[in-house]
Amino acid sequence: MRCHVEAAQIYSELKQKLAQQYPIDIENYMDGKAEFIKETDKKAAEWRRARSLR
């Protein structure tokens, strides 16, 4: 996410929200991040693929 500051900020805010929501429930905390991580990984793979085609 070093190249995508906006995504890093959104992820940071999500983690803070989840930490407040699930202060002692690591499973729900991790589940709450799962969809964001999945989507970000997908976008990163697409970005890498596009860069390699140059």
N, C-alpha and C. Protein backbone atom coordinates (compact mmCIF):
# COMPACT_ATOMS: atom_id res chain seq x y z
N MET A 1 0.82 -1.19 0.00
CA MET A 1 0.00 0.00 0.00
C MET A 1 0.86 1.26 0.00
N ARG A 2 2.16 1.07 -0.08
CA ARG A 2 3.05 2.22 -0.10
C ARG A 2 2.78 3.14 -1.29
N CYS A 3 2.36 2.54 -2.38
CA CYS A 3 2.09 3.33 -3.59
C CYS A 3 0.68 3.89 -3.61
N HIS A 4 -0.15 3.46 -2.68
CA HIS A 4 -1.56 3.85 -2.68
C HIS A 4 -1.93 4.39 -1.30
N VAL A 5 -1.61 5.63 -1.09
CA VAL A 5 -1.78 6.27 0.21
C VAL A 5 -3.25 6.27 0.65
N GLU A 6 -4.15 6.48 -0.28
CA GLU A 6 -5.57 6.52 0.07
C GLU A 6 -6.04 5.17 0.61
N ALA A 7 -5.64 4.08 -0.03
CA ALA A 7 -6.01 2.74 0.44
C ALA A 7 -5.40 2.48 1.82
N ALA A 8 -4.19 2.92 2.03
CA ALA A 8 -3.54 2.74 3.33
C ALA A 8 -4.30 3.49 4.42
N GLN A 9 -4.78 4.67 4.11
CA GLN A 9 -5.54 5.46 5.08
C GLN A 9 -6.87 4.79 5.40
N ILE A 10 -7.54 4.30 4.38
CA ILE A 10 -8.82 3.61 4.59
C ILE A 10 -8.61 2.37 5.45
N TYR A 11 -7.54 1.62 5.18
CA TYR A 11 -7.24 0.42 5.95
C TYR A 11 -6.94 0.76 7.41
N SER A 12 -6.19 1.82 7.62
CA SER A 12 -5.88 2.27 8.97
C SER A 12 -7.15 2.62 9.75
N GLU A 13 -8.03 3.34 9.09
CA GLU A 13 -9.30 3.73 9.73
C GLU A 13 -10.17 2.50 10.03
N LEU A 14 -10.18 1.55 9.10
CA LEU A 14 -10.93 0.32 9.31
C LEU A 14 -10.39 -0.43 10.52
N LYS A 15 -9.08 -0.55 10.62
CA LYS A 15 -8.48 -1.25 11.75
C LYS A 15 -8.79 -0.57 13.07
N GLN A 16 -8.77 0.74 13.09
CA GLN A 16 -9.09 1.47 14.32
C GLN A 16 -10.56 1.24 14.72
N LYS A 17 -11.44 1.29 13.74
CA LYS A 17 -12.86 1.06 14.00
C LYS A 17 -13.09 -0.35 14.54
N LEU A 18 -12.46 -1.33 13.91
CA LEU A 18 -12.62 -2.71 14.34
C LEU A 18 -12.02 -2.95 15.72
N ALA A 19 -10.91 -2.30 16.01
CA ALA A 19 -10.29 -2.45 17.33
C ALA A 19 -11.20 -1.91 18.42
N GLN A 20 -11.91 -0.83 18.13
CA GLN A 20 -12.87 -0.30 19.10
C GLN A 20 -14.08 -1.21 19.23
N GLN A 21 -14.50 -1.76 18.10
CA GLN A 21 -15.69 -2.60 18.07
C GLN A 21 -15.43 -3.97 18.71
N TYR A 22 -14.23 -4.50 18.53
CA TYR A 22 -13.88 -5.84 19.02
C TYR A 22 -12.58 -5.80 19.83
N PRO A 23 -12.57 -5.12 20.96
CA PRO A 23 -11.31 -4.95 21.71
C PRO A 23 -10.71 -6.26 22.24
N ILE A 24 -11.52 -7.28 22.45
CA ILE A 24 -10.97 -8.54 22.96
C ILE A 24 -11.38 -9.73 22.09
N ASP A 25 -11.81 -9.46 20.88
CA ASP A 25 -12.27 -10.51 19.98
C ASP A 25 -11.47 -10.48 18.68
N ILE A 26 -10.30 -11.11 18.70
CA ILE A 26 -9.40 -11.06 17.55
C ILE A 26 -10.02 -11.71 16.31
N GLU A 27 -10.84 -12.72 16.49
CA GLU A 27 -11.46 -13.39 15.34
C GLU A 27 -12.36 -12.43 14.55
N ASN A 28 -13.24 -11.71 15.24
CA ASN A 28 -14.10 -10.76 14.55
C ASN A 28 -13.31 -9.59 14.00
N TYR A 29 -12.27 -9.18 14.69
CA TYR A 29 -11.38 -8.12 14.20
C TYR A 29 -10.78 -8.55 12.85
N MET A 30 -10.25 -9.76 12.81
CA MET A 30 -9.63 -10.27 11.58
C MET A 30 -10.68 -10.48 10.48
N ASP A 31 -11.84 -10.99 10.86
CA ASP A 31 -12.92 -11.17 9.88
C ASP A 31 -13.35 -9.83 9.29
N GLY A 32 -13.34 -8.80 10.10
CA GLY A 32 -13.72 -7.47 9.63
C GLY A 32 -12.76 -6.89 8.61
N LYS A 33 -11.51 -7.33 8.65
CA LYS A 33 -10.51 -6.85 7.70
C LYS A 33 -10.46 -7.70 6.43
N ALA A 34 -11.01 -8.90 6.49
CA ALA A 34 -10.83 -9.89 5.43
C ALA A 34 -11.26 -9.39 4.05
N GLU A 35 -12.44 -8.82 3.94
CA GLU A 35 -12.93 -8.39 2.63
C GLU A 35 -12.08 -7.26 2.05
N PHE A 36 -11.67 -6.31 2.91
CA PHE A 36 -10.81 -5.23 2.44
C PHE A 36 -9.49 -5.79 1.91
N ILE A 37 -8.91 -6.71 2.65
CA ILE A 37 -7.63 -7.31 2.25
C ILE A 37 -7.79 -8.08 0.94
N LYS A 38 -8.86 -8.84 0.82
CA LYS A 38 -9.11 -9.61 -0.40
C LYS A 38 -9.22 -8.67 -1.61
N GLU A 39 -9.98 -7.62 -1.48
CA GLU A 39 -10.15 -6.68 -2.58
C GLU A 39 -8.85 -5.94 -2.91
N THR A 40 -8.11 -5.57 -1.88
CA THR A 40 -6.85 -4.86 -2.09
C THR A 40 -5.82 -5.78 -2.76
N ASP A 41 -5.77 -7.03 -2.35
CA ASP A 41 -4.88 -8.00 -3.00
C ASP A 41 -5.23 -8.17 -4.48
N LYS A 42 -6.51 -8.22 -4.77
CA LYS A 42 -6.96 -8.36 -6.15
C LYS A 42 -6.52 -7.15 -6.98
N LYS A 43 -6.74 -5.96 -6.44
CA LYS A 43 -6.33 -4.74 -7.14
C LYS A 43 -4.82 -4.68 -7.33
N ALA A 44 -4.08 -5.12 -6.32
CA ALA A 44 -2.61 -5.11 -6.40
C ALA A 44 -2.13 -6.06 -7.49
N ALA A 45 -2.75 -7.23 -7.59
CA ALA A 45 -2.38 -8.20 -8.63
C ALA A 45 -2.65 -7.62 -10.02
N GLU A 46 -3.78 -6.95 -10.17
CA GLU A 46 -4.12 -6.31 -11.45
C GLU A 46 -3.13 -5.21 -11.78
N TRP A 47 -2.75 -4.43 -10.78
CA TRP A 47 -1.79 -3.34 -10.96
C TRP A 47 -0.43 -3.90 -11.40
N ARG A 48 0.01 -4.97 -10.71
CA ARG A 48 1.30 -5.59 -11.08
C ARG A 48 1.25 -6.14 -12.49
N ARG A 49 0.14 -6.78 -12.86
CA ARG A 49 -0.01 -7.36 -14.19
C ARG A 49 0.06 -6.25 -15.24
N ALA A 50 -0.63 -5.17 -15.02
CA ALA A 50 -0.63 -4.05 -15.96
C ALA A 50 0.76 -3.45 -16.11
N ARG A 51 1.49 -3.35 -15.01
CA ARG A 51 2.86 -2.79 -15.07
C ARG A 51 3.81 -3.72 -15.81
N SER A 52 3.59 -5.02 -15.70
CA SER A 52 4.50 -5.96 -16.36
C SER A 52 4.27 -6.01 -17.88
N LEU A 53 3.13 -5.52 -18.33
CA LEU A 53 2.82 -5.52 -19.76
C LEU A 53 3.44 -4.33 -20.49
N ARG A 54 4.00 -3.42 -19.76
CA ARG A 54 4.58 -2.22 -20.38
C ARG A 54 5.83 -2.53 -21.14
